[in-house]
mmCIF file of all heavy atoms, coordinates in Angstrom:
data_MODEL
# 
_entry.id   MODEL 
# 
loop_
_atom_site.group_PDB 
_atom_site.id 
_atom_site.type_symbol 
_atom_site.label_atom_id 
_atom_site.label_alt_id 
_atom_site.label_comp_id 
_atom_site.label_asym_id 
_atom_site.label_entity_id 
_atom_site.label_seq_id 
_atom_site.pdbx_PDB_ins_code 
_atom_site.Cartn_x 
_atom_site.Cartn_y 
_atom_site.Cartn_z 
_atom_site.occupancy 
_atom_site.B_iso_or_equiv 
_atom_site.pdbx_formal_charge 
_atom_site.auth_seq_id 
_atom_site.auth_comp_id 
_atom_site.auth_asym_id 
_atom_site.auth_atom_id 
_atom_site.pdbx_PDB_model_num 
ATOM 1   N N   . LYS A 1 1  ? 78.608 -90.470  44.874 1.00 0.00 ? 1  LYS A N   1 
ATOM 2   C CA  . LYS A 1 1  ? 79.435 -90.213  43.686 1.00 0.00 ? 1  LYS A CA  1 
ATOM 3   C C   . LYS A 1 1  ? 80.553 -91.232  43.583 1.00 0.00 ? 1  LYS A C   1 
ATOM 4   O O   . LYS A 1 1  ? 80.867 -91.731  42.488 1.00 0.00 ? 1  LYS A O   1 
ATOM 5   C CB  . LYS A 1 1  ? 80.020 -88.805  43.750 1.00 0.00 ? 1  LYS A CB  1 
ATOM 6   C CG  . LYS A 1 1  ? 80.852 -88.453  42.519 1.00 0.00 ? 1  LYS A CG  1 
ATOM 7   C CD  . LYS A 1 1  ? 81.328 -87.018  42.555 1.00 0.00 ? 1  LYS A CD  1 
ATOM 8   C CE  . LYS A 1 1  ? 82.128 -86.694  41.291 1.00 0.00 ? 1  LYS A CE  1 
ATOM 9   N NZ  . LYS A 1 1  ? 82.602 -85.288  41.292 1.00 0.00 ? 1  LYS A NZ  1 
ATOM 10  N N   . GLU A 1 2  ? 81.172 -91.574  44.715 1.00 0.00 ? 2  GLU A N   1 
ATOM 11  C CA  . GLU A 1 2  ? 82.236 -92.574  44.702 1.00 0.00 ? 2  GLU A CA  1 
ATOM 12  C C   . GLU A 1 2  ? 81.711 -93.914  44.190 1.00 0.00 ? 2  GLU A C   1 
ATOM 13  O O   . GLU A 1 2  ? 82.350 -94.590  43.386 1.00 0.00 ? 2  GLU A O   1 
ATOM 14  C CB  . GLU A 1 2  ? 82.822 -92.739  46.104 1.00 0.00 ? 2  GLU A CB  1 
ATOM 15  C CG  . GLU A 1 2  ? 83.947 -93.770  46.168 1.00 0.00 ? 2  GLU A CG  1 
ATOM 16  C CD  . GLU A 1 2  ? 84.438 -94.001  47.583 1.00 0.00 ? 2  GLU A CD  1 
ATOM 17  O OE1 . GLU A 1 2  ? 83.717 -93.606  48.527 1.00 0.00 ? 2  GLU A OE1 1 
ATOM 18  O OE2 . GLU A 1 2  ? 85.509 -94.575  47.746 1.00 0.00 ? 2  GLU A OE2 1 
ATOM 19  N N   . ARG A 1 3  ? 80.513 -94.298  44.666 1.00 0.00 ? 3  ARG A N   1 
ATOM 20  C CA  . ARG A 1 3  ? 79.931 -95.561  44.222 1.00 0.00 ? 3  ARG A CA  1 
ATOM 21  C C   . ARG A 1 3  ? 79.656 -95.542  42.727 1.00 0.00 ? 3  ARG A C   1 
ATOM 22  O O   . ARG A 1 3  ? 79.887 -96.515  42.026 1.00 0.00 ? 3  ARG A O   1 
ATOM 23  C CB  . ARG A 1 3  ? 78.633 -95.820  44.996 1.00 0.00 ? 3  ARG A CB  1 
ATOM 24  C CG  . ARG A 1 3  ? 78.029 -97.207  44.719 1.00 0.00 ? 3  ARG A CG  1 
ATOM 25  C CD  . ARG A 1 3  ? 76.814 -97.448  45.573 1.00 0.00 ? 3  ARG A CD  1 
ATOM 26  N NE  . ARG A 1 3  ? 75.720 -96.566  45.221 1.00 0.00 ? 3  ARG A NE  1 
ATOM 27  C CZ  . ARG A 1 3  ? 75.097 -95.779  46.083 1.00 0.00 ? 3  ARG A CZ  1 
ATOM 28  N NH1 . ARG A 1 3  ? 75.468 -95.736  47.334 1.00 0.00 ? 3  ARG A NH1 1 
ATOM 29  N NH2 . ARG A 1 3  ? 74.097 -95.006  45.684 1.00 0.00 ? 3  ARG A NH2 1 
ATOM 30  N N   . ARG A 1 4  ? 79.164 -94.385  42.217 1.00 0.00 ? 4  ARG A N   1 
ATOM 31  C CA  . ARG A 1 4  ? 78.883 -94.264  40.788 1.00 0.00 ? 4  ARG A CA  1 
ATOM 32  C C   . ARG A 1 4  ? 80.167 -94.331  39.958 1.00 0.00 ? 4  ARG A C   1 
ATOM 33  O O   . ARG A 1 4  ? 80.206 -94.972  38.900 1.00 0.00 ? 4  ARG A O   1 
ATOM 34  C CB  . ARG A 1 4  ? 78.135 -92.966  40.518 1.00 0.00 ? 4  ARG A CB  1 
ATOM 35  C CG  . ARG A 1 4  ? 77.710 -92.815  39.053 1.00 0.00 ? 4  ARG A CG  1 
ATOM 36  C CD  . ARG A 1 4  ? 76.759 -91.637  38.873 1.00 0.00 ? 4  ARG A CD  1 
ATOM 37  N NE  . ARG A 1 4  ? 77.390 -90.372  39.216 1.00 0.00 ? 4  ARG A NE  1 
ATOM 38  C CZ  . ARG A 1 4  ? 77.092 -89.648  40.289 1.00 0.00 ? 4  ARG A CZ  1 
ATOM 39  N NH1 . ARG A 1 4  ? 76.171 -90.072  41.134 1.00 0.00 ? 4  ARG A NH1 1 
ATOM 40  N NH2 . ARG A 1 4  ? 77.706 -88.507  40.529 1.00 0.00 ? 4  ARG A NH2 1 
ATOM 41  N N   . LEU A 1 5  ? 81.235 -93.692  40.442 1.00 0.00 ? 5  LEU A N   1 
ATOM 42  C CA  . LEU A 1 5  ? 82.508 -93.720  39.719 1.00 0.00 ? 5  LEU A CA  1 
ATOM 43  C C   . LEU A 1 5  ? 83.082 -95.135  39.671 1.00 0.00 ? 5  LEU A C   1 
ATOM 44  O O   . LEU A 1 5  ? 83.629 -95.558  38.644 1.00 0.00 ? 5  LEU A O   1 
ATOM 45  C CB  . LEU A 1 5  ? 83.505 -92.772  40.381 1.00 0.00 ? 5  LEU A CB  1 
ATOM 46  C CG  . LEU A 1 5  ? 83.228 -91.275  40.217 1.00 0.00 ? 5  LEU A CG  1 
ATOM 47  C CD1 . LEU A 1 5  ? 84.214 -90.460  41.037 1.00 0.00 ? 5  LEU A CD1 1 
ATOM 48  C CD2 . LEU A 1 5  ? 83.291 -90.875  38.751 1.00 0.00 ? 5  LEU A CD2 1 
ATOM 49  N N   . ILE A 1 6  ? 82.944 -95.868  40.766 1.00 0.00 ? 6  ILE A N   1 
ATOM 50  C CA  . ILE A 1 6  ? 83.421 -97.254  40.783 1.00 0.00 ? 6  ILE A CA  1 
ATOM 51  C C   . ILE A 1 6  ? 82.659 -98.082  39.759 1.00 0.00 ? 6  ILE A C   1 
ATOM 52  O O   . ILE A 1 6  ? 83.236 -98.873  39.009 1.00 0.00 ? 6  ILE A O   1 
ATOM 53  C CB  . ILE A 1 6  ? 83.271 -97.860  42.190 1.00 0.00 ? 6  ILE A CB  1 
ATOM 54  C CG1 . ILE A 1 6  ? 84.268 -97.204  43.146 1.00 0.00 ? 6  ILE A CG1 1 
ATOM 55  C CG2 . ILE A 1 6  ? 83.497 -99.366  42.158 1.00 0.00 ? 6  ILE A CG2 1 
ATOM 56  C CD1 . ILE A 1 6  ? 84.073 -97.597  44.596 1.00 0.00 ? 6  ILE A CD1 1 
ATOM 57  N N   . SER A 1 7  ? 81.336 -97.881  39.694 1.00 0.00 ? 7  SER A N   1 
ATOM 58  C CA  . SER A 1 7  ? 80.521 -98.612  38.719 1.00 0.00 ? 7  SER A CA  1 
ATOM 59  C C   . SER A 1 7  ? 80.925 -98.263  37.292 1.00 0.00 ? 7  SER A C   1 
ATOM 60  O O   . SER A 1 7  ? 81.039 -99.140  36.429 1.00 0.00 ? 7  SER A O   1 
ATOM 61  C CB  . SER A 1 7  ? 79.039 -98.291  38.948 1.00 0.00 ? 7  SER A CB  1 
ATOM 62  O OG  . SER A 1 7  ? 78.226 -98.918  37.989 1.00 0.00 ? 7  SER A OG  1 
ATOM 63  N N   . GLU A 1 8  ? 81.166 -96.965  37.046 1.00 0.00 ? 8  GLU A N   1 
ATOM 64  C CA  . GLU A 1 8  ? 81.552 -96.542  35.694 1.00 0.00 ? 8  GLU A CA  1 
ATOM 65  C C   . GLU A 1 8  ? 82.914 -97.106  35.306 1.00 0.00 ? 8  GLU A C   1 
ATOM 66  O O   . GLU A 1 8  ? 83.116 -97.533  34.154 1.00 0.00 ? 8  GLU A O   1 
ATOM 67  C CB  . GLU A 1 8  ? 81.575 -95.013  35.619 1.00 0.00 ? 8  GLU A CB  1 
ATOM 68  C CG  . GLU A 1 8  ? 80.173 -94.390  35.697 1.00 0.00 ? 8  GLU A CG  1 
ATOM 69  C CD  . GLU A 1 8  ? 80.227 -92.871  35.805 1.00 0.00 ? 8  GLU A CD  1 
ATOM 70  O OE1 . GLU A 1 8  ? 81.363 -92.331  35.932 1.00 0.00 ? 8  GLU A OE1 1 
ATOM 71  O OE2 . GLU A 1 8  ? 79.160 -92.233  35.774 1.00 0.00 ? 8  GLU A OE2 1 
ATOM 72  N N   . ARG A 1 9  ? 83.849 -97.123  36.240 1.00 0.00 ? 9  ARG A N   1 
ATOM 73  C CA  . ARG A 1 9  ? 85.172 -97.684  35.937 1.00 0.00 ? 9  ARG A CA  1 
ATOM 74  C C   . ARG A 1 9  ? 85.081 -99.171  35.664 1.00 0.00 ? 9  ARG A C   1 
ATOM 75  O O   . ARG A 1 9  ? 85.780 -99.705  34.787 1.00 0.00 ? 9  ARG A O   1 
ATOM 76  C CB  . ARG A 1 9  ? 86.132 -97.406  37.106 1.00 0.00 ? 9  ARG A CB  1 
ATOM 77  C CG  . ARG A 1 9  ? 86.594 -95.961  37.193 1.00 0.00 ? 9  ARG A CG  1 
ATOM 78  C CD  . ARG A 1 9  ? 87.803 -95.825  38.101 1.00 0.00 ? 9  ARG A CD  1 
ATOM 79  N NE  . ARG A 1 9  ? 87.493 -96.138  39.480 1.00 0.00 ? 9  ARG A NE  1 
ATOM 80  C CZ  . ARG A 1 9  ? 87.137 -95.229  40.384 1.00 0.00 ? 9  ARG A CZ  1 
ATOM 81  N NH1 . ARG A 1 9  ? 87.038 -93.954  40.035 1.00 0.00 ? 9  ARG A NH1 1 
ATOM 82  N NH2 . ARG A 1 9  ? 86.892 -95.579  41.619 1.00 0.00 ? 9  ARG A NH2 1 
ATOM 83  N N   . THR A 1 10 ? 84.214 -99.856  36.404 1.00 0.00 ? 10 THR A N   1 
ATOM 84  C CA  . THR A 1 10 ? 84.042 -101.290 36.180 1.00 0.00 ? 10 THR A CA  1 
ATOM 85  C C   . THR A 1 10 ? 83.480 -101.563 34.791 1.00 0.00 ? 10 THR A C   1 
ATOM 86  O O   . THR A 1 10 ? 83.958 -102.440 34.069 1.00 0.00 ? 10 THR A O   1 
ATOM 87  C CB  . THR A 1 10 ? 83.112 -101.886 37.252 1.00 0.00 ? 10 THR A CB  1 
ATOM 88  O OG1 . THR A 1 10 ? 83.682 -101.670 38.552 1.00 0.00 ? 10 THR A OG1 1 
ATOM 89  C CG2 . THR A 1 10 ? 82.931 -103.384 37.033 1.00 0.00 ? 10 THR A CG2 1 
ATOM 90  N N   . ARG A 1 11 ? 82.449 -100.792 34.395 1.00 0.00 ? 11 ARG A N   1 
ATOM 91  C CA  . ARG A 1 11 ? 81.877 -100.966 33.065 1.00 0.00 ? 11 ARG A CA  1 
ATOM 92  C C   . ARG A 1 11 ? 82.896 -100.657 31.975 1.00 0.00 ? 11 ARG A C   1 
ATOM 93  O O   . ARG A 1 11 ? 82.965 -101.349 30.948 1.00 0.00 ? 11 ARG A O   1 
ATOM 94  C CB  . ARG A 1 11 ? 80.641 -100.087 32.902 1.00 0.00 ? 11 ARG A CB  1 
ATOM 95  C CG  . ARG A 1 11 ? 79.425 -100.571 33.679 1.00 0.00 ? 11 ARG A CG  1 
ATOM 96  C CD  . ARG A 1 11 ? 78.142 -99.923  33.145 1.00 0.00 ? 11 ARG A CD  1 
ATOM 97  N NE  . ARG A 1 11 ? 78.194 -98.472  33.260 1.00 0.00 ? 11 ARG A NE  1 
ATOM 98  C CZ  . ARG A 1 11 ? 77.776 -97.793  34.320 1.00 0.00 ? 11 ARG A CZ  1 
ATOM 99  N NH1 . ARG A 1 11 ? 77.273 -98.444  35.360 1.00 0.00 ? 11 ARG A NH1 1 
ATOM 100 N NH2 . ARG A 1 11 ? 77.837 -96.464  34.343 1.00 0.00 ? 11 ARG A NH2 1 
ATOM 101 N N   . ALA A 1 12 ? 83.708 -99.615  32.187 1.00 0.00 ? 12 ALA A N   1 
ATOM 102 C CA  . ALA A 1 12 ? 84.718 -99.263  31.196 1.00 0.00 ? 12 ALA A CA  1 
ATOM 103 C C   . ALA A 1 12 ? 85.759 -100.367 31.060 1.00 0.00 ? 12 ALA A C   1 
ATOM 104 O O   . ALA A 1 12 ? 86.190 -100.701 29.946 1.00 0.00 ? 12 ALA A O   1 
ATOM 105 C CB  . ALA A 1 12 ? 85.393 -97.944  31.585 1.00 0.00 ? 12 ALA A CB  1 
ATOM 106 N N   . ALA A 1 13 ? 86.163 -100.958 32.182 1.00 0.00 ? 13 ALA A N   1 
ATOM 107 C CA  . ALA A 1 13 ? 87.150 -102.032 32.138 1.00 0.00 ? 13 ALA A CA  1 
ATOM 108 C C   . ALA A 1 13 ? 86.603 -103.253 31.419 1.00 0.00 ? 13 ALA A C   1 
ATOM 109 O O   . ALA A 1 13 ? 87.300 -103.886 30.618 1.00 0.00 ? 13 ALA A O   1 
ATOM 110 C CB  . ALA A 1 13 ? 87.582 -102.397 33.565 1.00 0.00 ? 13 ALA A CB  1 
ATOM 111 N N   . LEU A 1 14 ? 85.328 -103.579 31.675 1.00 0.00 ? 14 LEU A N   1 
ATOM 112 C CA  . LEU A 1 14 ? 84.707 -104.718 30.990 1.00 0.00 ? 14 LEU A CA  1 
ATOM 113 C C   . LEU A 1 14 ? 84.593 -104.445 29.497 1.00 0.00 ? 14 LEU A C   1 
ATOM 114 O O   . LEU A 1 14 ? 84.816 -105.346 28.665 1.00 0.00 ? 14 LEU A O   1 
ATOM 115 C CB  . LEU A 1 14 ? 83.332 -105.000 31.587 1.00 0.00 ? 14 LEU A CB  1 
ATOM 116 C CG  . LEU A 1 14 ? 83.323 -105.547 33.023 1.00 0.00 ? 14 LEU A CG  1 
ATOM 117 C CD1 . LEU A 1 14 ? 81.896 -105.661 33.539 1.00 0.00 ? 14 LEU A CD1 1 
ATOM 118 C CD2 . LEU A 1 14 ? 84.026 -106.902 33.090 1.00 0.00 ? 14 LEU A CD2 1 
ATOM 119 N N   . GLY A 1 15 ? 84.240 -103.188 29.142 1.00 0.00 ? 15 GLY A N   1 
ATOM 120 C CA  . GLY A 1 15 ? 84.154 -102.831 27.733 1.00 0.00 ? 15 GLY A CA  1 
ATOM 121 C C   . GLY A 1 15 ? 85.498 -102.965 27.029 1.00 0.00 ? 15 GLY A C   1 
ATOM 122 O O   . GLY A 1 15 ? 85.577 -103.431 25.888 1.00 0.00 ? 15 GLY A O   1 
ATOM 123 N N   . ALA A 1 16 ? 86.574 -102.562 27.715 1.00 0.00 ? 16 ALA A N   1 
ATOM 124 C CA  . ALA A 1 16 ? 87.908 -102.680 27.132 1.00 0.00 ? 16 ALA A CA  1 
ATOM 125 C C   . ALA A 1 16 ? 88.288 -104.137 26.924 1.00 0.00 ? 16 ALA A C   1 
ATOM 126 O O   . ALA A 1 16 ? 88.893 -104.498 25.909 1.00 0.00 ? 16 ALA A O   1 
ATOM 127 C CB  . ALA A 1 16 ? 88.920 -101.979 28.036 1.00 0.00 ? 16 ALA A CB  1 
ATOM 128 N N   . ARG A 1 17 ? 87.907 -104.990 27.874 1.00 0.00 ? 17 ARG A N   1 
ATOM 129 C CA  . ARG A 1 17 ? 88.222 -106.413 27.739 1.00 0.00 ? 17 ARG A CA  1 
ATOM 130 C C   . ARG A 1 17 ? 87.448 -107.041 26.583 1.00 0.00 ? 17 ARG A C   1 
ATOM 131 O O   . ARG A 1 17 ? 87.969 -107.876 25.851 1.00 0.00 ? 17 ARG A O   1 
ATOM 132 C CB  . ARG A 1 17 ? 87.909 -107.137 29.051 1.00 0.00 ? 17 ARG A CB  1 
ATOM 133 C CG  . ARG A 1 17 ? 88.845 -106.755 30.186 1.00 0.00 ? 17 ARG A CG  1 
ATOM 134 C CD  . ARG A 1 17 ? 88.517 -107.516 31.449 1.00 0.00 ? 17 ARG A CD  1 
ATOM 135 N NE  . ARG A 1 17 ? 88.708 -108.958 31.255 1.00 0.00 ? 17 ARG A NE  1 
ATOM 136 C CZ  . ARG A 1 17 ? 88.342 -109.874 32.153 1.00 0.00 ? 17 ARG A CZ  1 
ATOM 137 N NH1 . ARG A 1 17 ? 87.743 -109.472 33.284 1.00 0.00 ? 17 ARG A NH1 1 
ATOM 138 N NH2 . ARG A 1 17 ? 88.553 -111.145 31.937 1.00 0.00 ? 17 ARG A NH2 1 
ATOM 139 N N   . ARG A 1 18 ? 86.188 -106.618 26.418 1.00 0.00 ? 18 ARG A N   1 
ATOM 140 C CA  . ARG A 1 18 ? 85.414 -107.122 25.276 1.00 0.00 ? 18 ARG A CA  1 
ATOM 141 C C   . ARG A 1 18 ? 86.052 -106.683 23.963 1.00 0.00 ? 18 ARG A C   1 
ATOM 142 O O   . ARG A 1 18 ? 86.115 -107.459 22.998 1.00 0.00 ? 18 ARG A O   1 
ATOM 143 C CB  . ARG A 1 18 ? 83.972 -106.612 25.349 1.00 0.00 ? 18 ARG A CB  1 
ATOM 144 C CG  . ARG A 1 18 ? 83.133 -107.199 26.471 1.00 0.00 ? 18 ARG A CG  1 
ATOM 145 C CD  . ARG A 1 18 ? 81.662 -106.857 26.286 1.00 0.00 ? 18 ARG A CD  1 
ATOM 146 N NE  . ARG A 1 18 ? 80.874 -107.204 27.445 1.00 0.00 ? 18 ARG A NE  1 
ATOM 147 C CZ  . ARG A 1 18 ? 80.571 -106.366 28.430 1.00 0.00 ? 18 ARG A CZ  1 
ATOM 148 N NH1 . ARG A 1 18 ? 81.007 -105.111 28.377 1.00 0.00 ? 18 ARG A NH1 1 
ATOM 149 N NH2 . ARG A 1 18 ? 79.842 -106.764 29.460 1.00 0.00 ? 18 ARG A NH2 1 
ATOM 150 N N   . ALA A 1 19 ? 86.510 -105.419 23.912 1.00 0.00 ? 19 ALA A N   1 
ATOM 151 C CA  . ALA A 1 19 ? 87.123 -104.906 22.691 1.00 0.00 ? 19 ALA A CA  1 
ATOM 152 C C   . ALA A 1 19 ? 88.393 -105.674 22.340 1.00 0.00 ? 19 ALA A C   1 
ATOM 153 O O   . ALA A 1 19 ? 88.767 -105.792 21.166 1.00 0.00 ? 19 ALA A O   1 
ATOM 154 C CB  . ALA A 1 19 ? 87.438 -103.422 22.855 1.00 0.00 ? 19 ALA A CB  1 
ATOM 155 N N   . GLN A 1 20 ? 89.058 -106.229 23.359 1.00 0.00 ? 20 GLN A N   1 
ATOM 156 C CA  . GLN A 1 20 ? 90.273 -106.999 23.136 1.00 0.00 ? 20 GLN A CA  1 
ATOM 157 C C   . GLN A 1 20 ? 89.976 -108.458 22.805 1.00 0.00 ? 20 GLN A C   1 
ATOM 158 O O   . GLN A 1 20 ? 90.895 -109.258 22.608 1.00 0.00 ? 20 GLN A O   1 
ATOM 159 C CB  . GLN A 1 20 ? 91.162 -106.936 24.383 1.00 0.00 ? 20 GLN A CB  1 
ATOM 160 C CG  . GLN A 1 20 ? 91.696 -105.534 24.678 1.00 0.00 ? 20 GLN A CG  1 
ATOM 161 C CD  . GLN A 1 20 ? 92.338 -105.437 26.041 1.00 0.00 ? 20 GLN A CD  1 
ATOM 162 O OE1 . GLN A 1 20 ? 92.383 -106.422 26.789 1.00 0.00 ? 20 GLN A OE1 1 
ATOM 163 N NE2 . GLN A 1 20 ? 92.831 -104.254 26.390 1.00 0.00 ? 20 GLN A NE2 1 
ATOM 164 N N   . GLY A 1 21 ? 88.690 -108.796 22.757 1.00 0.00 ? 21 GLY A N   1 
ATOM 165 C CA  . GLY A 1 21 ? 88.312 -110.157 22.397 1.00 0.00 ? 21 GLY A CA  1 
ATOM 166 C C   . GLY A 1 21 ? 88.177 -111.112 23.555 1.00 0.00 ? 21 GLY A C   1 
ATOM 167 O O   . GLY A 1 21 ? 87.989 -112.322 23.355 1.00 0.00 ? 21 GLY A O   1 
ATOM 168 N N   . THR A 1 22 ? 88.244 -110.580 24.795 1.00 0.00 ? 22 THR A N   1 
ATOM 169 C CA  . THR A 1 22 ? 88.099 -111.453 25.964 1.00 0.00 ? 22 THR A CA  1 
ATOM 170 C C   . THR A 1 22 ? 86.645 -111.853 26.129 1.00 0.00 ? 22 THR A C   1 
ATOM 171 O O   . THR A 1 22 ? 85.747 -111.012 26.077 1.00 0.00 ? 22 THR A O   1 
ATOM 172 C CB  . THR A 1 22 ? 88.565 -110.727 27.238 1.00 0.00 ? 22 THR A CB  1 
ATOM 173 O OG1 . THR A 1 22 ? 89.916 -110.308 27.060 1.00 0.00 ? 22 THR A OG1 1 
ATOM 174 C CG2 . THR A 1 22 ? 88.471 -111.642 28.458 1.00 0.00 ? 22 THR A CG2 1 
ATOM 175 N N   . LYS A 1 23 ? 86.396 -113.134 26.316 1.00 0.00 ? 23 LYS A N   1 
ATOM 176 C CA  . LYS A 1 23 ? 85.041 -113.623 26.523 1.00 0.00 ? 23 LYS A CA  1 
ATOM 177 C C   . LYS A 1 23 ? 84.667 -113.454 27.991 1.00 0.00 ? 23 LYS A C   1 
ATOM 178 O O   . LYS A 1 23 ? 85.367 -113.918 28.874 1.00 0.00 ? 23 LYS A O   1 
ATOM 179 C CB  . LYS A 1 23 ? 84.929 -115.096 26.118 1.00 0.00 ? 23 LYS A CB  1 
ATOM 180 C CG  . LYS A 1 23 ? 85.095 -115.323 24.629 1.00 0.00 ? 23 LYS A CG  1 
ATOM 181 C CD  . LYS A 1 23 ? 84.895 -116.787 24.280 1.00 0.00 ? 23 LYS A CD  1 
ATOM 182 C CE  . LYS A 1 23 ? 85.010 -117.020 22.770 1.00 0.00 ? 23 LYS A CE  1 
ATOM 183 N NZ  . LYS A 1 23 ? 84.823 -118.448 22.415 1.00 0.00 ? 23 LYS A NZ  1 
ATOM 184 N N   . LEU A 1 24 ? 83.562 -112.756 28.209 1.00 0.00 ? 24 LEU A N   1 
ATOM 185 C CA  . LEU A 1 24 ? 83.096 -112.496 29.563 1.00 0.00 ? 24 LEU A CA  1 
ATOM 186 C C   . LEU A 1 24 ? 81.826 -113.283 29.836 1.00 0.00 ? 24 LEU A C   1 
ATOM 187 O O   . LEU A 1 24 ? 81.193 -113.809 28.932 1.00 0.00 ? 24 LEU A O   1 
ATOM 188 C CB  . LEU A 1 24 ? 82.816 -110.998 29.739 1.00 0.00 ? 24 LEU A CB  1 
ATOM 189 C CG  . LEU A 1 24 ? 83.991 -110.064 29.426 1.00 0.00 ? 24 LEU A CG  1 
ATOM 190 C CD1 . LEU A 1 24 ? 83.532 -108.623 29.550 1.00 0.00 ? 24 LEU A CD1 1 
ATOM 191 C CD2 . LEU A 1 24 ? 85.168 -110.331 30.352 1.00 0.00 ? 24 LEU A CD2 1 
# 
């Protein structure tokens, strides 16, 4: 579960950066 939560937080952070216009 900890590993899954870390993965979900990482995806959420990347999504937020994309929404702000950051090129990934």
